[in-house]
Structures are given as C-alpha cells and as structure tokens.
Amino acid sequence: MEAGRRGRPASDFAPPGASHSGGITWLPVGRDGGGADQTLLSHEFGHNFGYPHQTRIPCPGTDLADCEESKGANSRQTPMGGGTVSVGLTAPELLHSKWLSDEEAVTVEKSATYTLNSLYGGQDGVRALDIPIGEDRLVVEYRHTSGTLDKRLQGVHTYRIPGNNYEGATMVDMSRRGRRRLRPCPRPAPTPTSRLRSRSGAPSSS
C-alpha cells in the first residue's frame, strides 16, 4: 500500500471510516492517515476475503429462541469482531473461504459424540461441527492456545449461520446476562481436544 500525493490515500483505498466486504477495502495510509498496525491490516484484509464485522447474540437462557439481536457488540473471537491479530479467524470464516476440509468440518446429521480438536492445533481430525437447524445452521468450534494464536480464547464457541451464509455468522453468547468477557483460562485444558454430545442437532459441552 502506498500513499497518494500529499499524503492522501492511494486510489485503491477510500476515505477513513469506510469499509465493505469483498473487492476493495478502504484503508487510510500515508501522512494524513496515520499508521497501520498488524491488527488493522488483518482486519482490513479480512474484508477483502468477504468477512463483515462479526457480532454476538446475547442468549441469557439455554434456548436459542431466547436470543436477542445485539448491534455493535463484538464477538472478540476474530480480528473481524474486535479481536487483535493474536486471535485467529473463526470456524465460520474458515468455512466461508473453504479452508477446512470435509474431514475437518463435519456436518452433523444425527445424535452422536464428537471429539473436537483445537481449531488451530496440529492434530488431524475434526475441527468444527456444522449443524443444520431448520433454515439456518450452527457451527461449533473449540479454541485452544496454538503458538501465538488464541492465548485468551479457551473453550467451545457456537455461531448462528443465517441460511448457508457463513460470512454472516453471529456468535451465540449464552454466558450470564449474555455478556461474556474474554479472560485467560485459570486452568488450561490438558489436551487441545473437546468432546461434545449432539442431541437433536443441539450441541452441549461435556
């Protein structure tokens, strides 16, 4: 990226504050635009891959029917949701880009017990569950520290997918009052795997 004349953004980028998914992402550069750190760059490149900003749905109960739409609440699970460059992309984003194989992203068609490997771990096997729920889908992932990624994202996370539009994923937040905060896990999991029991298409940790 290079600045245009007199410090203005180059022609491939647009004014500050504007961005959209796919094609060209607007990023201010040069003397008037300030610096661009790795978090900003990963976020803006994500837009070029077709990822919009990722938010979360507060679901204070255990029933998805209790979920409420929340505008402006970042998921914090990805650079596209207010996370820093130290967190990876979410499973729905990887599915959107077709960066998970059929062996890594399993479509759940019946009740069973599944072992999830860490999304960015080195093990072979299942990394995400894709669960059809009526006209929508749920995607379940397990995040665990892998190198420099996901040091503060320990545990199983679920996302609602509208139709088959993985890029439109919203994190399902069933924490207390729907306001889950990221904190270092006091007791990191001994192994980067998680076992899930899927019953009638609804995942739960075990």
C-alpha atoms as a PDB file:
ATOM      1  CA  MET A   1       0.000   0.000   0.000  1.00  0.00           C
ATOM      2  CA  GLU A   2       1.348   3.386  -0.898  1.00  0.00           C
ATOM      3  CA  ALA A   3       0.128   6.847  -0.080  1.00  0.00           C
ATOM      4  CA  GLY A   4      -1.045   9.088  -2.851  1.00  0.00           C
ATOM      5  CA  ARG A   5       0.188  12.626  -3.381  1.00  0.00           C
ATOM      6  CA  ARG A   6       0.185  14.998  -0.401  1.00  0.00           C
ATOM      7  CA  GLY A   7      -0.302  12.090   1.994  1.00  0.00           C
ATOM      8  CA  ARG A   8      -3.785  11.190   0.781  1.00  0.00           C
ATOM      9  CA  PRO A   9      -4.892   7.547   0.495  1.00  0.00           C
ATOM     10  CA  ALA A  10      -3.837   5.758  -2.651  1.00  0.00           C
ATOM     11  CA  SER A  11      -6.539   5.251  -5.277  1.00  0.00           C
ATOM     12  CA  ASP A  12      -7.083   1.598  -4.288  1.00  0.00           C
ATOM     13  CA  PHE A  13      -8.327   2.675  -0.879  1.00  0.00           C
ATOM     14  CA  ALA A  14     -11.054   5.007   0.249  1.00  0.00           C
ATOM     15  CA  PRO A  15     -11.532   7.631   2.958  1.00  0.00           C
ATOM     16  CA  PRO A  16     -11.197   6.762   6.669  1.00  0.00           C
ATOM     17  CA  GLY A  17     -14.199   5.112   8.250  1.00  0.00           C
ATOM     18  CA  ALA A  18     -15.461   3.360   5.130  1.00  0.00           C
ATOM     19  CA  SER A  19     -15.232  -0.353   4.535  1.00  0.00           C
ATOM     20  CA  HIS A  20     -17.178  -3.155   2.917  1.00  0.00           C
ATOM     21  CA  SER A  21     -16.891  -6.867   2.341  1.00  0.00           C
ATOM     22  CA  GLY A  22     -15.028  -8.205  -0.661  1.00  0.00           C
ATOM     23  CA  GLY A  23     -13.309  -6.481  -3.544  1.00  0.00           C
ATOM     24  CA  ILE A  24     -11.647  -3.384  -2.148  1.00  0.00           C
ATOM     25  CA  THR A  25     -11.335  -2.384   1.490  1.00  0.00           C
ATOM     26  CA  TRP A  26     -10.843   1.244   2.402  1.00  0.00           C
ATOM     27  CA  LEU A  27      -7.767   1.925   4.483  1.00  0.00           C
ATOM     28  CA  PRO A  28      -6.233   5.349   5.208  1.00  0.00           C
ATOM     29  CA  VAL A  29      -2.473   5.382   4.703  1.00  0.00           C
ATOM     30  CA  GLY A  30       0.245   7.985   4.470  1.00  0.00           C
ATOM     31  CA  ARG A  31       0.891  11.169   6.402  1.00  0.00           C
ATOM     32  CA  ASP A  32      -2.769  12.085   6.949  1.00  0.00           C
ATOM     33  CA  GLY A  33      -3.993   8.535   7.514  1.00  0.00           C
ATOM     34  CA  GLY A  34      -1.622   7.575  10.312  1.00  0.00           C
ATOM     35  CA  GLY A  35      -0.037   4.178  10.854  1.00  0.00           C
ATOM     36  CA  ALA A  36      -1.494   0.733  10.263  1.00  0.00           C
ATOM     37  CA  ASP A  37      -0.618  -1.987  12.772  1.00  0.00           C
ATOM     38  CA  GLN A  38      -0.953  -5.747  12.238  1.00  0.00           C
ATOM     39  CA  THR A  39      -4.386  -5.902  13.850  1.00  0.00           C
ATOM     40  CA  LEU A  40      -5.731  -3.231  11.500  1.00  0.00           C
ATOM     41  CA  LEU A  41      -4.162  -4.889   8.474  1.00  0.00           C
ATOM     42  CA  SER A  42      -5.550  -8.340   9.352  1.00  0.00           C
ATOM     43  CA  HIS A  43      -8.992  -6.795   9.859  1.00  0.00           C
ATOM     44  CA  GLU A  44      -8.968  -4.960   6.538  1.00  0.00           C
ATOM     45  CA  PHE A  45      -7.611  -7.946   4.616  1.00  0.00           C
ATOM     46  CA  GLY A  46     -10.462  -9.913   6.170  1.00  0.00           C
ATOM     47  CA  HIS A  47     -12.917  -7.580   4.462  1.00  0.00           C
ATOM     48  CA  ASN A  48     -11.201  -8.363   1.168  1.00  0.00           C
ATOM     49  CA  PHE A  49     -11.838 -12.057   1.830  1.00  0.00           C
ATOM     50  CA  GLY A  50     -15.527 -11.250   2.211  1.00  0.00           C
ATOM     51  CA  TYR A  51     -15.820 -11.182   6.008  1.00  0.00           C
ATOM     52  CA  PRO A  52     -18.029  -8.477   7.541  1.00  0.00           C
ATOM     53  CA  HIS A  53     -17.760  -7.356  11.151  1.00  0.00           C
ATOM     54  CA  GLN A  54     -18.684 -10.236  13.464  1.00  0.00           C
ATOM     55  CA  THR A  55     -21.008  -9.595  16.398  1.00  0.00           C
ATOM     56  CA  ARG A  56     -22.568 -11.676  19.153  1.00  0.00           C
ATOM     57  CA  ILE A  57     -26.148 -12.555  20.099  1.00  0.00           C
ATOM     58  CA  PRO A  58     -26.907 -12.394  23.849  1.00  0.00           C
ATOM     59  CA  CYS A  59     -28.753 -15.566  24.844  1.00  0.00           C
ATOM     60  CA  PRO A  60     -29.190 -15.414  28.633  1.00  0.00           C
ATOM     61  CA  GLY A  61     -31.052 -18.734  28.756  1.00  0.00           C
ATOM     62  CA  THR A  62     -30.311 -22.117  27.221  1.00  0.00           C
ATOM     63  CA  ASP A  63     -32.947 -21.832  24.497  1.00  0.00           C
ATOM     64  CA  LEU A  64     -31.903 -20.263  21.209  1.00  0.00           C
ATOM     65  CA  ALA A  65     -35.408 -18.819  20.990  1.00  0.00           C
ATOM     66  CA  ASP A  66     -34.437 -16.520  23.876  1.00  0.00           C
ATOM     67  CA  CYS A  67     -31.644 -14.881  21.929  1.00  0.00           C
ATOM     68  CA  GLU A  68     -31.841 -11.164  21.277  1.00  0.00           C
ATOM     69  CA  GLU A  69     -30.252  -9.301  18.415  1.00  0.00           C
ATOM     70  CA  SER A  70     -27.429  -7.070  19.599  1.00  0.00           C
ATOM     71  CA  LYS A  71     -25.993  -4.320  17.444  1.00  0.00           C
ATOM     72  CA  GLY A  72     -22.429  -3.231  17.952  1.00  0.00           C
ATOM     73  CA  ALA A  73     -21.427  -5.995  20.387  1.00  0.00           C
ATOM     74  CA  ASN A  74     -18.229  -7.505  19.007  1.00  0.00           C
ATOM     75  CA  SER A  75     -17.677 -11.255  19.187  1.00  0.00           C
ATOM     76  CA  ARG A  76     -13.986 -10.804  20.168  1.00  0.00           C
ATOM     77  CA  GLN A  77     -13.314 -14.204  18.550  1.00  0.00           C
ATOM     78  CA  THR A  78     -11.689 -12.877  15.374  1.00  0.00           C
ATOM     79  CA  PRO A  79      -9.942  -9.766  14.060  1.00  0.00           C
ATOM     80  CA  MET A  80     -13.284  -9.125  12.332  1.00  0.00           C
ATOM     81  CA  GLY A  81     -15.050  -8.959  15.696  1.00  0.00           C
ATOM     82  CA  GLY A  82     -12.826  -6.645  17.678  1.00  0.00           C
ATOM     83  CA  GLY A  83     -10.151  -9.248  18.414  1.00  0.00           C
ATOM     84  CA  THR A  84      -6.492  -8.478  17.914  1.00  0.00           C
ATOM     85  CA  VAL A  85      -4.087 -10.099  15.489  1.00  0.00           C
ATOM     86  CA  SER A  86      -3.346 -12.637  18.254  1.00  0.00           C
ATOM     87  CA  VAL A  87      -6.670 -14.403  17.628  1.00  0.00           C
ATOM     88  CA  GLY A  88      -7.379 -16.494  14.557  1.00  0.00           C
ATOM     89  CA  LEU A  89     -10.362 -16.466  12.245  1.00  0.00           C
ATOM     90  CA  THR A  90     -13.469 -18.305  13.433  1.00  0.00           C
ATOM     91  CA  ALA A  91     -14.641 -21.635  12.019  1.00  0.00           C
ATOM     92  CA  PRO A  92     -17.476 -19.967  10.029  1.00  0.00           C
ATOM     93  CA  GLU A  93     -14.966 -17.636   8.389  1.00  0.00           C
ATOM     94  CA  LEU A  94     -12.728 -20.581   7.515  1.00  0.00           C
ATOM     95  CA  LEU A  95     -15.772 -22.405   6.099  1.00  0.00           C
ATOM     96  CA  HIS A  96     -16.690 -19.355   4.025  1.00  0.00           C
ATOM     97  CA  SER A  97     -13.211 -19.374   2.483  1.00  0.00           C
ATOM     98  CA  LYS A  98     -13.283 -23.184   2.081  1.00  0.00           C
ATOM     99  CA  TRP A  99     -10.169 -23.513   4.226  1.00  0.00           C
ATOM    100  CA  LEU A 100     -11.498 -26.517   6.155  1.00  0.00           C
ATOM    101  CA  SER A 101     -11.747 -29.912   4.502  1.00  0.00           C
ATOM    102  CA  ASP A 102     -14.743 -32.256   4.825  1.00  0.00           C
ATOM    103  CA  GLU A 103     -12.745 -34.240   7.381  1.00  0.00           C
ATOM    104  CA  GLU A 104     -12.074 -31.098   9.422  1.00  0.00           C
ATOM    105  CA  ALA A 105     -15.609 -29.650   9.248  1.00  0.00           C
ATOM    106  CA  VAL A 106     -18.208 -32.370   9.831  1.00  0.00           C
ATOM    107  CA  THR A 107     -21.889 -31.909   9.056  1.00  0.00           C
ATOM    108  CA  VAL A 108     -23.891 -33.315  11.968  1.00  0.00           C
ATOM    109  CA  GLU A 109     -26.781 -35.424  10.673  1.00  0.00           C
ATOM    110  CA  LYS A 110     -27.576 -37.494  13.769  1.00  0.00           C
ATOM    111  CA  SER A 111     -27.030 -37.611  17.520  1.00  0.00           C
ATOM    112  CA  ALA A 112     -23.507 -38.744  18.380  1.00  0.00           C
ATOM    113  CA  THR A 113     -20.443 -37.935  20.473  1.00  0.00           C
ATOM    114  CA  TYR A 114     -17.813 -35.881  18.668  1.00  0.00           C
ATOM    115  CA  THR A 115     -14.228 -35.092  19.612  1.00  0.00           C
ATOM    116  CA  LEU A 116     -13.232 -31.590  18.524  1.00  0.00           C
ATOM    117  CA  ASN A 117      -9.588 -30.744  18.001  1.00  0.00           C
ATOM    118  CA  SER A 118      -8.360 -27.229  18.575  1.00  0.00           C
ATOM    119  CA  LEU A 119      -9.193 -25.112  15.531  1.00  0.00           C
ATOM    120  CA  TYR A 120      -5.548 -24.160  15.074  1.00  0.00           C
ATOM    121  CA  GLY A 121      -3.901 -27.155  16.712  1.00  0.00           C
ATOM    122  CA  GLY A 122      -1.563 -29.579  14.992  1.00  0.00           C
ATOM    123  CA  GLN A 123      -3.738 -32.689  15.274  1.00  0.00           C
ATOM    124  CA  ASP A 124      -5.577 -34.232  12.360  1.00  0.00           C
ATOM    125  CA  GLY A 125      -9.315 -34.717  12.646  1.00  0.00           C
ATOM    126  CA  VAL A 126     -12.485 -32.736  13.322  1.00  0.00           C
ATOM    127  CA  ARG A 127     -12.060 -29.001  13.946  1.00  0.00           C
ATOM    128  CA  ALA A 128     -15.642 -27.777  13.524  1.00  0.00           C
ATOM    129  CA  LEU A 129     -19.188 -29.122  13.637  1.00  0.00           C
ATOM    130  CA  ASP A 130     -21.730 -27.812  11.128  1.00  0.00           C
ATOM    131  CA  ILE A 131     -25.271 -28.438  12.401  1.00  0.00           C
ATOM    132  CA  PRO A 132     -28.381 -27.767  10.253  1.00  0.00           C
ATOM    133  CA  ILE A 133     -31.120 -26.085  12.341  1.00  0.00           C
ATOM    134  CA  GLY A 134     -34.197 -25.523  10.202  1.00  0.00           C
ATOM    135  CA  GLU A 135     -33.282 -22.977   7.547  1.00  0.00           C
ATOM    136  CA  ASP A 136     -30.211 -21.859   9.487  1.00  0.00           C
ATOM    137  CA  ARG A 137     -27.144 -23.621  10.835  1.00  0.00           C
ATOM    138  CA  LEU A 138     -24.995 -23.720  13.941  1.00  0.00           C
ATOM    139  CA  VAL A 139     -21.223 -24.022  13.738  1.00  0.00           C
ATOM    140  CA  VAL A 140     -19.315 -25.212  16.798  1.00  0.00           C
ATOM    141  CA  GLU A 141     -15.568 -24.788  17.271  1.00  0.00           C
ATOM    142  CA  TYR A 142     -13.012 -25.464  20.013  1.00  0.00           C
ATOM    143  CA  ARG A 143     -10.312 -22.848  20.564  1.00  0.00           C
ATOM    144  CA  HIS A 144      -7.100 -23.513  22.462  1.00  0.00           C
ATOM    145  CA  THR A 145      -3.695 -21.853  22.527  1.00  0.00           C
ATOM    146  CA  SER A 146      -1.688 -22.740  19.438  1.00  0.00           C
ATOM    147  CA  GLY A 147       1.657 -20.986  19.120  1.00  0.00           C
ATOM    148  CA  THR A 148       0.951 -17.266  19.308  1.00  0.00           C
ATOM    149  CA  LEU A 149      -2.757 -17.633  18.475  1.00  0.00           C
ATOM    150  CA  ASP A 150      -5.778 -17.825  20.762  1.00  0.00           C
ATOM    151  CA  LYS A 151      -3.997 -17.459  24.102  1.00  0.00           C
ATOM    152  CA  ARG A 152      -7.135 -15.895  25.558  1.00  0.00           C
ATOM    153  CA  LEU A 153      -9.725 -17.990  23.721  1.00  0.00           C
ATOM    154  CA  GLN A 154     -10.071 -21.219  25.661  1.00  0.00           C
ATOM    155  CA  GLY A 155     -13.179 -23.314  25.154  1.00  0.00           C
ATOM    156  CA  VAL A 156     -16.081 -24.204  22.894  1.00  0.00           C
ATOM    157  CA  HIS A 157     -17.855 -21.484  20.917  1.00  0.00           C
ATOM    158  CA  THR A 158     -21.056 -21.575  18.853  1.00  0.00           C
ATOM    159  CA  TYR A 159     -22.158 -19.416  15.925  1.00  0.00           C
ATOM    160  CA  ARG A 160     -25.525 -18.976  14.236  1.00  0.00           C
ATOM    161  CA  ILE A 161     -25.359 -19.088  10.453  1.00  0.00           C
ATOM    162  CA  PRO A 162     -28.224 -17.494   8.504  1.00  0.00           C
ATOM    163  CA  GLY A 163     -29.056 -19.955   5.752  1.00  0.00           C
ATOM    164  CA  ASN A 164     -25.766 -21.080   4.226  1.00  0.00           C
ATOM    165  CA  ASN A 165     -24.101 -17.673   4.532  1.00  0.00           C
ATOM    166  CA  TYR A 166     -21.105 -18.491   6.702  1.00  0.00           C
ATOM    167  CA  GLU A 167     -19.749 -14.986   6.297  1.00  0.00           C
ATOM    168  CA  GLY A 168     -22.844 -13.728   8.141  1.00  0.00           C
ATOM    169  CA  ALA A 169     -22.095 -15.750  11.297  1.00  0.00           C
ATOM    170  CA  THR A 170     -23.000 -14.330  14.689  1.00  0.00           C
ATOM    171  CA  MET A 171     -21.570 -15.674  17.934  1.00  0.00           C
ATOM    172  CA  VAL A 172     -24.158 -17.228  20.253  1.00  0.00           C
ATOM    173  CA  ASP A 173     -23.414 -15.888  23.738  1.00  0.00           C
ATOM    174  CA  MET A 174     -25.076 -17.976  26.455  1.00  0.00           C
ATOM    175  CA  SER A 175     -22.980 -16.608  29.280  1.00  0.00           C
ATOM    176  CA  ARG A 176     -24.509 -14.871  32.263  1.00  0.00           C
ATOM    177  CA  ARG A 177     -26.651 -11.945  31.096  1.00  0.00           C
ATOM    178  CA  GLY A 178     -25.280 -12.529  27.597  1.00  0.00           C
ATOM    179  CA  ARG A 179     -22.183 -10.520  28.423  1.00  0.00           C
ATOM    180  CA  ARG A 180     -19.327 -12.987  28.231  1.00  0.00           C
ATOM    181  CA  ARG A 181     -15.892 -11.410  28.742  1.00  0.00           C
ATOM    182  CA  LEU A 182     -12.647 -12.818  27.486  1.00  0.00           C
ATOM    183  CA  ARG A 183     -10.350 -13.904  30.297  1.00  0.00           C
ATOM    184  CA  PRO A 184      -7.325 -16.178  30.445  1.00  0.00           C
ATOM    185  CA  CYS A 185      -8.466 -19.664  31.378  1.00  0.00           C
ATOM    186  CA  PRO A 186      -7.385 -20.326  35.012  1.00  0.00           C
ATOM    187  CA  ARG A 187      -6.859 -23.996  34.215  1.00  0.00           C
ATOM    188  CA  PRO A 188      -5.885 -24.573  30.582  1.00  0.00           C
ATOM    189  CA  ALA A 189      -7.238 -27.789  29.115  1.00  0.00           C
ATOM    190  CA  PRO A 190      -4.640 -30.584  29.423  1.00  0.00           C
ATOM    191  CA  THR A 191      -5.111 -31.574  25.800  1.00  0.00           C
ATOM    192  CA  PRO A 192      -6.359 -29.457  22.900  1.00  0.00           C
ATOM    193  CA  THR A 193      -9.496 -31.516  22.311  1.00  0.00           C
ATOM    194  CA  SER A 194     -13.087 -31.242  23.461  1.00  0.00           C
ATOM    195  CA  ARG A 195     -15.832 -33.869  23.456  1.00  0.00           C
ATOM    196  CA  LEU A 196     -19.335 -32.829  22.502  1.00  0.00           C
ATOM    197  CA  ARG A 197     -22.615 -34.667  22.578  1.00  0.00           C
ATOM    198  CA  SER A 198     -25.029 -33.584  19.870  1.00  0.00           C
ATOM    199  CA  ARG A 199     -28.680 -34.251  20.662  1.00  0.00           C
ATOM    200  CA  SER A 200     -31.303 -33.468  18.071  1.00  0.00           C
ATOM    201  CA  GLY A 201     -28.932 -31.012  16.497  1.00  0.00           C
ATOM    202  CA  ALA A 202     -28.255 -29.018  19.694  1.00  0.00           C
ATOM    203  CA  PRO A 203     -24.611 -29.093  20.881  1.00  0.00           C
ATOM    204  CA  SER A 204     -23.582 -29.113  24.512  1.00  0.00           C
ATOM    205  CA  SER A 205     -20.209 -29.425  26.192  1.00  0.00           C
ATOM    206  CA  SER A 206     -19.449 -32.497  28.287  1.00  0.00           C
END
